[in-house]
PDB file of N, CA and C in Angstrom:
ATOM      1  N   MET A   1     -10.720  22.311  21.150  1.00  0.00           N
ATOM      2  CA  MET A   1      -9.313  21.908  21.120  1.00  0.00           C
ATOM      3  C   MET A   1      -8.780  22.062  19.695  1.00  0.00           C
ATOM      4  N   VAL A   2      -7.655  22.684  19.588  1.00  0.00           N
ATOM      5  CA  VAL A   2      -7.056  22.991  18.297  1.00  0.00           C
ATOM      6  C   VAL A   2      -6.729  21.730  17.494  1.00  0.00           C
ATOM      7  N   LEU A   3      -6.266  20.698  18.154  1.00  0.00           N
ATOM      8  CA  LEU A   3      -5.814  19.492  17.450  1.00  0.00           C
ATOM      9  C   LEU A   3      -6.858  18.380  17.399  1.00  0.00           C
ATOM     10  N   LYS A   4      -8.060  18.651  17.850  1.00  0.00           N
ATOM     11  CA  LYS A   4      -9.092  17.617  17.926  1.00  0.00           C
ATOM     12  C   LYS A   4      -9.404  17.014  16.547  1.00  0.00           C
ATOM     13  N   LYS A   5      -9.565  17.850  15.536  1.00  0.00           N
ATOM     14  CA  LYS A   5      -9.883  17.366  14.190  1.00  0.00           C
ATOM     15  C   LYS A   5      -8.714  16.565  13.609  1.00  0.00           C
ATOM     16  N   ALA A   6      -7.492  17.059  13.814  1.00  0.00           N
ATOM     17  CA  ALA A   6      -6.314  16.350  13.321  1.00  0.00           C
ATOM     18  C   ALA A   6      -6.201  14.974  13.968  1.00  0.00           C
ATOM     19  N   LYS A   7      -6.482  14.911  15.262  1.00  0.00           N
ATOM     20  CA  LYS A   7      -6.432  13.628  15.980  1.00  0.00           C
ATOM     21  C   LYS A   7      -7.422  12.639  15.373  1.00  0.00           C
ATOM     22  N   ARG A   8      -8.644  13.109  15.117  1.00  0.00           N
ATOM     23  CA  ARG A   8      -9.664  12.245  14.506  1.00  0.00           C
ATOM     24  C   ARG A   8      -9.221  11.749  13.133  1.00  0.00           C
ATOM     25  N   GLU A   9      -8.641  12.645  12.353  1.00  0.00           N
ATOM     26  CA  GLU A   9      -8.180  12.270  11.016  1.00  0.00           C
ATOM     27  C   GLU A   9      -7.071  11.223  11.084  1.00  0.00           C
ATOM     28  N   PHE A  10      -6.146  11.395  12.018  1.00  0.00           N
ATOM     29  CA  PHE A  10      -5.065  10.407  12.167  1.00  0.00           C
ATOM     30  C   PHE A  10      -5.615   9.048  12.604  1.00  0.00           C
ATOM     31  N   GLU A  11      -6.639   9.048  13.440  1.00  0.00           N
ATOM     32  CA  GLU A  11      -7.264   7.787  13.846  1.00  0.00           C
ATOM     33  C   GLU A  11      -7.901   7.095  12.642  1.00  0.00           C
ATOM     34  N   ILE A  12      -8.495   7.864  11.753  1.00  0.00           N
ATOM     35  CA  ILE A  12      -9.099   7.288  10.547  1.00  0.00           C
ATOM     36  C   ILE A  12      -8.013   6.736   9.628  1.00  0.00           C
ATOM     37  N   VAL A  13      -6.926   7.472   9.483  1.00  0.00           N
ATOM     38  CA  VAL A  13      -5.806   7.000   8.659  1.00  0.00           C
ATOM     39  C   VAL A  13      -5.254   5.696   9.225  1.00  0.00           C
ATOM     40  N   LEU A  14      -5.113   5.629  10.529  1.00  0.00           N
ATOM     41  CA  LEU A  14      -4.635   4.397  11.169  1.00  0.00           C
ATOM     42  C   LEU A  14      -5.569   3.240  10.846  1.00  0.00           C
ATOM     43  N   ARG A  15      -6.871   3.480  10.888  1.00  0.00           N
ATOM     44  CA  ARG A  15      -7.851   2.446  10.544  1.00  0.00           C
ATOM     45  C   ARG A  15      -7.676   1.999   9.098  1.00  0.00           C
ATOM     46  N   HIS A  16      -7.502   2.944   8.182  1.00  0.00           N
ATOM     47  CA  HIS A  16      -7.302   2.601   6.773  1.00  0.00           C
ATOM     48  C   HIS A  16      -6.061   1.718   6.605  1.00  0.00           C
ATOM     49  N   ILE A  17      -4.994   2.061   7.310  1.00  0.00           N
ATOM     50  CA  ILE A  17      -3.753   1.296   7.195  1.00  0.00           C
ATOM     51  C   ILE A  17      -3.934  -0.108   7.765  1.00  0.00           C
ATOM     52  N   ARG A  18      -4.673  -0.232   8.857  1.00  0.00           N
ATOM     53  CA  ARG A  18      -4.935  -1.570   9.426  1.00  0.00           C
ATOM     54  C   ARG A  18      -5.750  -2.416   8.451  1.00  0.00           C
ATOM     55  N   VAL A  19      -6.720  -1.802   7.797  1.00  0.00           N
ATOM     56  CA  VAL A  19      -7.514  -2.525   6.797  1.00  0.00           C
ATOM     57  C   VAL A  19      -6.616  -2.937   5.635  1.00  0.00           C
ATOM     58  N   MET A  20      -5.775  -2.017   5.162  1.00  0.00           N
ATOM     59  CA  MET A  20      -4.876  -2.315   4.054  1.00  0.00           C
ATOM     60  C   MET A  20      -3.935  -3.472   4.393  1.00  0.00           C
ATOM     61  N   LYS A  21      -3.369  -3.449   5.597  1.00  0.00           N
ATOM     62  CA  LYS A  21      -2.474  -4.532   6.010  1.00  0.00           C
ATOM     63  C   LYS A  21      -3.204  -5.870   6.061  1.00  0.00           C
ATOM     64  N   ALA A  22      -4.432  -5.868   6.553  1.00  0.00           N
ATOM     65  CA  ALA A  22      -5.201  -7.115   6.618  1.00  0.00           C
ATOM     66  C   ALA A  22      -5.509  -7.625   5.212  1.00  0.00           C
ATOM     67  N   VAL A  23      -5.825  -6.716   4.303  1.00  0.00           N
ATOM     68  CA  VAL A  23      -6.064  -7.126   2.912  1.00  0.00           C
ATOM     69  C   VAL A  23      -4.791  -7.723   2.333  1.00  0.00           C
ATOM     70  N   MET A  24      -3.648  -7.083   2.559  1.00  0.00           N
ATOM     71  CA  MET A  24      -2.365  -7.590   2.043  1.00  0.00           C
ATOM     72  C   MET A  24      -2.097  -9.007   2.535  1.00  0.00           C
ATOM     73  N   LYS A  25      -2.384  -9.238   3.798  1.00  0.00           N
ATOM     74  CA  LYS A  25      -2.061 -10.530   4.413  1.00  0.00           C
ATOM     75  C   LYS A  25      -3.059 -11.632   4.042  1.00  0.00           C
ATOM     76  N   HIS A  26      -4.338 -11.270   3.812  1.00  0.00           N
ATOM     77  CA  HIS A  26      -5.378 -12.290   3.649  1.00  0.00           C
ATOM     78  C   HIS A  26      -6.116 -12.218   2.306  1.00  0.00           C
ATOM     79  N   GLN A  27      -5.591 -11.486   1.353  1.00  0.00           N
ATOM     80  CA  GLN A  27      -6.302 -11.286   0.094  1.00  0.00           C
ATOM     81  C   GLN A  27      -6.502 -12.575  -0.685  1.00  0.00           C
ATOM     82  N   PRO A  28      -7.575 -12.659  -1.415  1.00  0.00           N
ATOM     83  CA  PRO A  28      -8.729 -11.766  -1.450  1.00  0.00           C
ATOM     84  C   PRO A  28      -9.581 -11.955  -0.192  1.00  0.00           C
ATOM     85  N   ILE A  29     -10.149 -10.863   0.270  1.00  0.00           N
ATOM     86  CA  ILE A  29     -10.933 -10.920   1.505  1.00  0.00           C
ATOM     87  C   ILE A  29     -12.113  -9.955   1.409  1.00  0.00           C
ATOM     88  N   GLY A  30     -13.246 -10.394   1.947  1.00  0.00           N
ATOM     89  CA  GLY A  30     -14.458  -9.594   1.916  1.00  0.00           C
ATOM     90  C   GLY A  30     -14.662  -8.785   3.189  1.00  0.00           C
ATOM     91  N   ILE A  31     -15.661  -7.935   3.151  1.00  0.00           N
ATOM     92  CA  ILE A  31     -15.956  -7.033   4.256  1.00  0.00           C
ATOM     93  C   ILE A  31     -16.264  -7.786   5.551  1.00  0.00           C
ATOM     94  N   PHE A  32     -17.085  -8.832   5.477  1.00  0.00           N
ATOM     95  CA  PHE A  32     -17.472  -9.551   6.693  1.00  0.00           C
ATOM     96  C   PHE A  32     -16.267 -10.202   7.364  1.00  0.00           C
ATOM     97  N   LYS A  33     -15.424 -10.834   6.576  1.00  0.00           N
ATOM     98  CA  LYS A  33     -14.235 -11.491   7.119  1.00  0.00           C
ATOM     99  C   LYS A  33     -13.249 -10.451   7.664  1.00  0.00           C
ATOM    100  N   LEU A  34     -13.065  -9.358   6.931  1.00  0.00           N
ATOM    101  CA  LEU A  34     -12.184  -8.283   7.404  1.00  0.00           C
ATOM    102  C   LEU A  34     -12.668  -7.725   8.736  1.00  0.00           C
ATOM    103  N   SER A  35     -13.960  -7.475   8.822  1.00  0.00           N
ATOM    104  CA  SER A  35     -14.561  -6.934  10.036  1.00  0.00           C
ATOM    105  C   SER A  35     -14.290  -7.849  11.222  1.00  0.00           C
ATOM    106  N   GLU A  36     -14.498  -9.118  11.000  1.00  0.00           N
ATOM    107  CA  GLU A  36     -14.283 -10.114  12.054  1.00  0.00           C
ATOM    108  C   GLU A  36     -12.802 -10.197  12.421  1.00  0.00           C
ATOM    109  N   LEU A  37     -11.946 -10.191  11.421  1.00  0.00           N
ATOM    110  CA  LEU A  37     -10.512 -10.359  11.608  1.00  0.00           C
ATOM    111  C   LEU A  37      -9.882  -9.219  12.403  1.00  0.00           C
ATOM    112  N   ILE A  38     -10.276  -7.987  12.093  1.00  0.00           N
ATOM    113  CA  ILE A  38      -9.637  -6.859  12.763  1.00  0.00           C
ATOM    114  C   ILE A  38     -10.502  -6.222  13.853  1.00  0.00           C
ATOM    115  N   GLY A  39     -11.666  -6.822  14.095  1.00  0.00           N
ATOM    116  CA  GLY A  39     -12.523  -6.356  15.179  1.00  0.00           C
ATOM    117  C   GLY A  39     -13.044  -4.944  14.977  1.00  0.00           C
ATOM    118  N   MET A  40     -13.485  -4.688  13.763  1.00  0.00           N
ATOM    119  CA  MET A  40     -13.971  -3.359  13.409  1.00  0.00           C
ATOM    120  C   MET A  40     -15.362  -3.493  12.798  1.00  0.00           C
ATOM    121  N   PRO A  41     -16.261  -2.548  13.081  1.00  0.00           N
ATOM    122  CA  PRO A  41     -17.602  -2.620  12.490  1.00  0.00           C
ATOM    123  C   PRO A  41     -17.562  -2.626  10.956  1.00  0.00           C
ATOM    124  N   LYS A  42     -18.499  -3.349  10.360  1.00  0.00           N
ATOM    125  CA  LYS A  42     -18.542  -3.490   8.904  1.00  0.00           C
ATOM    126  C   LYS A  42     -18.622  -2.150   8.179  1.00  0.00           C
ATOM    127  N   HIS A  43     -19.384  -1.199   8.725  1.00  0.00           N
ATOM    128  CA  HIS A  43     -19.517   0.085   8.038  1.00  0.00           C
ATOM    129  C   HIS A  43     -18.190   0.848   8.001  1.00  0.00           C
ATOM    130  N   LYS A  44     -17.361   0.678   9.008  1.00  0.00           N
ATOM    131  CA  LYS A  44     -16.047   1.336   9.015  1.00  0.00           C
ATOM    132  C   LYS A  44     -15.094   0.638   8.044  1.00  0.00           C
ATOM    133  N   VAL A  45     -15.164  -0.682   7.996  1.00  0.00           N
ATOM    134  CA  VAL A  45     -14.349  -1.439   7.041  1.00  0.00           C
ATOM    135  C   VAL A  45     -14.745  -1.059   5.621  1.00  0.00           C
ATOM    136  N   ARG A  46     -16.040  -0.993   5.370  1.00  0.00           N
ATOM    137  CA  ARG A  46     -16.545  -0.636   4.040  1.00  0.00           C
ATOM    138  C   ARG A  46     -16.036   0.742   3.618  1.00  0.00           C
ATOM    139  N   TYR A  47     -16.094   1.706   4.550  1.00  0.00           N
ATOM    140  CA  TYR A  47     -15.608   3.055   4.252  1.00  0.00           C
ATOM    141  C   TYR A  47     -14.110   3.048   3.959  1.00  0.00           C
ATOM    142  N   SER A  48     -13.331   2.334   4.775  1.00  0.00           N
ATOM    143  CA  SER A  48     -11.886   2.264   4.561  1.00  0.00           C
ATOM    144  C   SER A  48     -11.569   1.616   3.215  1.00  0.00           C
ATOM    145  N   LEU A  49     -12.292   0.567   2.865  1.00  0.00           N
ATOM    146  CA  LEU A  49     -12.071  -0.076   1.566  1.00  0.00           C
ATOM    147  C   LEU A  49     -12.368   0.893   0.426  1.00  0.00           C
ATOM    148  N   ARG A  50     -13.417   1.674   0.575  1.00  0.00           N
ATOM    149  CA  ARG A  50     -13.772   2.652  -0.465  1.00  0.00           C
ATOM    150  C   ARG A  50     -12.665   3.695  -0.617  1.00  0.00           C
ATOM    151  N   VAL A  51     -12.149   4.195   0.497  1.00  0.00           N
ATOM    152  CA  VAL A  51     -11.068   5.190   0.462  1.00  0.00           C
ATOM    153  C   VAL A  51      -9.817   4.587  -0.161  1.00  0.00           C
ATOM    154  N   LEU A  52      -9.479   3.369   0.225  1.00  0.00           N
ATOM    155  CA  LEU A  52      -8.301   2.698  -0.326  1.00  0.00           C
ATOM    156  C   LEU A  52      -8.464   2.420  -1.818  1.00  0.00           C
ATOM    157  N   GLU A  53      -9.674   2.100  -2.238  1.00  0.00           N
ATOM    158  CA  GLU A  53      -9.934   1.888  -3.666  1.00  0.00           C
ATOM    159  C   GLU A  53      -9.791   3.204  -4.428  1.00  0.00           C
ATOM    160  N   GLN A  54     -10.371   4.267  -3.908  1.00  0.00           N
ATOM    161  CA  GLN A  54     -10.273   5.574  -4.561  1.00  0.00           C
ATOM    162  C   GLN A  54      -8.832   6.078  -4.604  1.00  0.00           C
ATOM    163  N   SER A  55      -8.019   5.626  -3.674  1.00  0.00           N
ATOM    164  CA  SER A  55      -6.606   6.012  -3.634  1.00  0.00           C
ATOM    165  C   SER A  55      -5.742   5.133  -4.538  1.00  0.00           C
ATOM    166  N   GLY A  56      -6.345   4.127  -5.163  1.00  0.00           N
ATOM    167  CA  GLY A  56      -5.605   3.255  -6.071  1.00  0.00           C
ATOM    168  C   GLY A  56      -4.771   2.201  -5.377  1.00  0.00           C
ATOM    169  N   ILE A  57      -5.103   1.899  -4.125  1.00  0.00           N
ATOM    170  CA  ILE A  57      -4.320   0.923  -3.357  1.00  0.00           C
ATOM    171  C   ILE A  57      -4.926  -0.467  -3.427  1.00  0.00           C
ATOM    172  N   ILE A  58      -6.237  -0.554  -3.370  1.00  0.00           N
ATOM    173  CA  ILE A  58      -6.891  -1.864  -3.466  1.00  0.00           C
ATOM    174  C   ILE A  58      -7.880  -1.847  -4.612  1.00  0.00           C
ATOM    175  N   GLU A  59      -8.316  -3.028  -4.974  1.00  0.00           N
ATOM    176  CA  GLU A  59      -9.386  -3.139  -5.964  1.00  0.00           C
ATOM    177  C   GLU A  59     -10.306  -4.285  -5.559  1.00  0.00           C
ATOM    178  N   PRO A  60     -11.583  -4.112  -5.836  1.00  0.00           N
ATOM    179  CA  PRO A  60     -12.534  -5.184  -5.515  1.00  0.00           C
ATOM    180  C   PRO A  60     -12.477  -6.270  -6.589  1.00  0.00           C
ATOM    181  N   THR A  61     -12.680  -7.498  -6.171  1.00  0.00           N
ATOM    182  CA  THR A  61     -12.829  -8.610  -7.110  1.00  0.00           C
ATOM    183  C   THR A  61     -14.057  -9.392  -6.659  1.00  0.00           C
ATOM    184  N   GLN A  62     -14.461 -10.348  -7.448  1.00  0.00           N
ATOM    185  CA  GLN A  62     -15.625 -11.144  -7.050  1.00  0.00           C
ATOM    186  C   GLN A  62     -15.337 -11.988  -5.821  1.00  0.00           C
ATOM    187  N   HIS A  63     -14.062 -12.159  -5.484  1.00  0.00           N
ATOM    188  CA  HIS A  63     -13.690 -12.961  -4.308  1.00  0.00           C
ATOM    189  C   HIS A  63     -13.353 -12.096  -3.097  1.00  0.00           C
ATOM    190  N   GLY A  64     -13.318 -10.786  -3.265  1.00  0.00           N
ATOM    191  CA  GLY A  64     -12.996  -9.876  -2.176  1.00  0.00           C
ATOM    192  C   GLY A  64     -11.938  -8.875  -2.582  1.00  0.00           C
ATOM    193  N   ALA A  65     -11.558  -8.039  -1.652  1.00  0.00           N
ATOM    194  CA  ALA A  65     -10.573  -6.989  -1.917  1.00  0.00           C
ATOM    195  C   ALA A  65      -9.174  -7.569  -2.051  1.00  0.00           C
ATOM    196  N   VAL A  66      -8.409  -6.981  -2.966  1.00  0.00           N
ATOM    197  CA  VAL A  66      -6.998  -7.337  -3.155  1.00  0.00           C
ATOM    198  C   VAL A  66      -6.202  -6.049  -3.315  1.00  0.00           C
ATOM    199  N   ILE A  67      -4.905  -6.137  -3.043  1.00  0.00           N
ATOM    200  CA  ILE A  67      -4.029  -5.001  -3.291  1.00  0.00           C
ATOM    201  C   ILE A  67      -3.868  -4.878  -4.800  1.00  0.00           C
ATOM    202  N   LYS A  68      -4.056  -3.679  -5.290  1.00  0.00           N
ATOM    203  CA  LYS A  68      -3.989  -3.421  -6.727  1.00  0.00           C
ATOM    204  C   LYS A  68      -2.554  -3.550  -7.214  1.00  0.00           C
ATOM    205  N   GLU A  69      -2.387  -4.249  -8.315  1.00  0.00           N
ATOM    206  CA  GLU A  69      -1.063  -4.379  -8.904  1.00  0.00           C
ATOM    207  C   GLU A  69      -0.569  -2.988  -9.284  1.00  0.00           C
ATOM    208  N   GLY A  70       0.630  -2.664  -8.873  1.00  0.00           N
ATOM    209  CA  GLY A  70       1.184  -1.350  -9.161  1.00  0.00           C
ATOM    210  C   GLY A  70       0.797  -0.280  -8.148  1.00  0.00           C
ATOM    211  N   ALA A  71       0.156  -0.685  -7.042  1.00  0.00           N
ATOM    212  CA  ALA A  71      -0.214   0.287  -5.998  1.00  0.00           C
ATOM    213  C   ALA A  71       1.055   0.960  -5.484  1.00  0.00           C
ATOM    214  N   ASN A  72       1.019   2.268  -5.383  1.00  0.00           N
ATOM    215  CA  ASN A  72       2.195   3.033  -4.984  1.00  0.00           C
ATOM    216  C   ASN A  72       2.252   3.190  -3.463  1.00  0.00           C
ATOM    217  N   LEU A  73       2.694   2.149  -2.802  1.00  0.00           N
ATOM    218  CA  LEU A  73       2.783   2.187  -1.346  1.00  0.00           C
ATOM    219  C   LEU A  73       3.969   3.023  -0.878  1.00  0.00           C
ATOM    220  N   GLU A  74       4.970   3.189  -1.738  1.00  0.00           N
ATOM    221  CA  GLU A  74       6.110   4.036  -1.391  1.00  0.00           C
ATOM    222  C   GLU A  74       5.670   5.495  -1.267  1.00  0.00           C
ATOM    223  N   GLU A  75       4.710   5.907  -2.083  1.00  0.00           N
ATOM    224  CA  GLU A  75       4.175   7.266  -1.996  1.00  0.00           C
ATOM    225  C   GLU A  75       3.507   7.478  -0.641  1.00  0.00           C
ATOM    226  N   LEU A  76       2.811   6.462  -0.175  1.00  0.00           N
ATOM    227  CA  LEU A  76       2.172   6.516   1.138  1.00  0.00           C
ATOM    228  C   LEU A  76       3.218   6.731   2.231  1.00  0.00           C
ATOM    229  N   LYS A  77       4.295   5.979   2.152  1.00  0.00           N
ATOM    230  CA  LYS A  77       5.374   6.104   3.143  1.00  0.00           C
ATOM    231  C   LYS A  77       6.052   7.467   3.051  1.00  0.00           C
ATOM    232  N   LYS A  78       6.245   7.966   1.847  1.00  0.00           N
ATOM    233  CA  LYS A  78       6.855   9.279   1.646  1.00  0.00           C
ATOM    234  C   LYS A  78       5.977  10.375   2.256  1.00  0.00           C
ATOM    235  N   ASN A  79       4.678  10.297   2.011  1.00  0.00           N
ATOM    236  CA  ASN A  79       3.753  11.275   2.588  1.00  0.00           C
ATOM    237  C   ASN A  79       3.807  11.246   4.106  1.00  0.00           C
ATOM    238  N   PHE A  80       3.919  10.047   4.675  1.00  0.00           N
ATOM    239  CA  PHE A  80       3.979   9.942   6.126  1.00  0.00           C
ATOM    240  C   PHE A  80       5.252  10.579   6.670  1.00  0.00           C
ATOM    241  N   GLU A  81       6.353  10.421   5.967  1.00  0.00           N
ATOM    242  CA  GLU A  81       7.610  11.048   6.406  1.00  0.00           C
ATOM    243  C   GLU A  81       7.455  12.568   6.443  1.00  0.00           C
ATOM    244  N   GLU A  82       6.752  13.127   5.467  1.00  0.00           N
ATOM    245  CA  GLU A  82       6.503  14.569   5.448  1.00  0.00           C
ATOM    246  C   GLU A  82       5.611  14.981   6.623  1.00  0.00           C
ATOM    247  N   ILE A  83       4.621  14.159   6.935  1.00  0.00           N
ATOM    248  CA  ILE A  83       3.737  14.445   8.065  1.00  0.00           C
ATOM    249  C   ILE A  83       4.526  14.414   9.373  1.00  0.00           C
ATOM    250  N   LYS A  84       5.446  13.459   9.505  1.00  0.00           N
ATOM    251  CA  LYS A  84       6.257  13.373  10.719  1.00  0.00           C
ATOM    252  C   LYS A  84       7.080  14.636  10.927  1.00  0.00           C
ATOM    253  N   LYS A  85       7.566  15.226   9.840  1.00  0.00           N
ATOM    254  CA  LYS A  85       8.335  16.472   9.956  1.00  0.00           C
ATOM    255  C   LYS A  85       7.446  17.603  10.478  1.00  0.00           C
ATOM    256  N   ILE A  86       6.217  17.650   9.989  1.00  0.00           N
ATOM    257  CA  ILE A  86       5.280  18.677  10.450  1.00  0.00           C
ATOM    258  C   ILE A  86       4.948  18.473  11.921  1.00  0.00           C
ATOM    259  N   VAL A  87       4.701  17.222  12.315  1.00  0.00           N
ATOM    260  CA  VAL A  87       4.390  16.921  13.712  1.00  0.00           C
ATOM    261  C   VAL A  87       5.579  17.285  14.601  1.00  0.00           C
ATOM    262  N   LYS A  88       6.772  17.013  14.147  1.00  0.00           N
ATOM    263  CA  LYS A  88       7.975  17.367  14.909  1.00  0.00           C
ATOM    264  C   LYS A  88       8.062  18.887  15.081  1.00  0.00           C
ATOM    265  N   ALA A  89       7.739  19.636  14.021  1.00  0.00           N
ATOM    266  CA  ALA A  89       7.759  21.100  14.105  1.00  0.00           C
ATOM    267  C   ALA A  89       6.709  21.594  15.103  1.00  0.00           C
ATOM    268  N   ILE A  90       5.533  20.984  15.098  1.00  0.00           N
ATOM    269  CA  ILE A  90       4.488  21.344  16.061  1.00  0.00           C
ATOM    270  C   ILE A  90       4.974  21.060  17.482  1.00  0.00           C
ATOM    271  N   GLU A  91       5.595  19.910  17.648  1.00  0.00           N
ATOM    272  CA  GLU A  91       6.126  19.539  18.956  1.00  0.00           C
ATOM    273  C   GLU A  91       7.134  20.578  19.460  1.00  0.00           C
ATOM    274  N   GLU A  92       8.016  21.009  18.576  1.00  0.00           N
ATOM    275  CA  GLU A  92       9.011  22.012  18.961  1.00  0.00           C
ATOM    276  C   GLU A  92       8.353  23.336  19.341  1.00  0.00           C
ATOM    277  N   GLU A  93       7.351  23.726  18.588  1.00  0.00           N
ATOM    278  CA  GLU A  93       6.638  24.974  18.895  1.00  0.00           C
ATOM    279  C   GLU A  93       5.928  24.878  20.253  1.00  0.00           C
ATOM    280  N   LEU A  94       5.336  23.727  20.527  1.00  0.00           N
ATOM    281  CA  LEU A  94       4.615  23.553  21.779  1.00  0.00           C
ATOM    282  C   LEU A  94       5.550  23.549  22.991  1.00  0.00           C
ATOM    283  N   LYS A  95       6.780  23.163  22.804  1.00  0.00           N
ATOM    284  CA  LYS A  95       7.757  23.181  23.904  1.00  0.00           C
ATOM    285  C   LYS A  95       7.981  24.596  24.414  1.00  0.00           C
ATOM    286  N   GLU A  96       7.799  25.567  23.524  1.00  0.00           N
ATOM    287  CA  GLU A  96       8.051  26.966  23.878  1.00  0.00           C
ATOM    288  C   GLU A  96       6.858  27.631  24.536  1.00  0.00           C
ATOM    289  N   ILE A  97       5.770  26.899  24.669  1.00  0.00           N
ATOM    290  CA  ILE A  97       4.567  27.481  25.277  1.00  0.00           C
ATOM    291  C   ILE A  97       4.573  27.220  26.772  1.00  0.00           C
TER     292      ILE A  97
END
């Protein structure tokens, strides 16, 4: 399937965003509590936290993950708007098939 990989990637992005939202709401928060809170396996939470840290969105503390001061969440939203335009273009192309 042509879109299978893209679908998987979007599911991972959705997971990262759910982890980020939970951190925002409950910070500081650790992996075990996050896992329990959002019903996700610890290894997936750990991976999402690592990606979010590498992206400059969260930072680890001795008490758990927190949203990094100065995190550019507007950039995240801007990137998503660009993705929506691409998805809309794909949708239009598929209508002609």
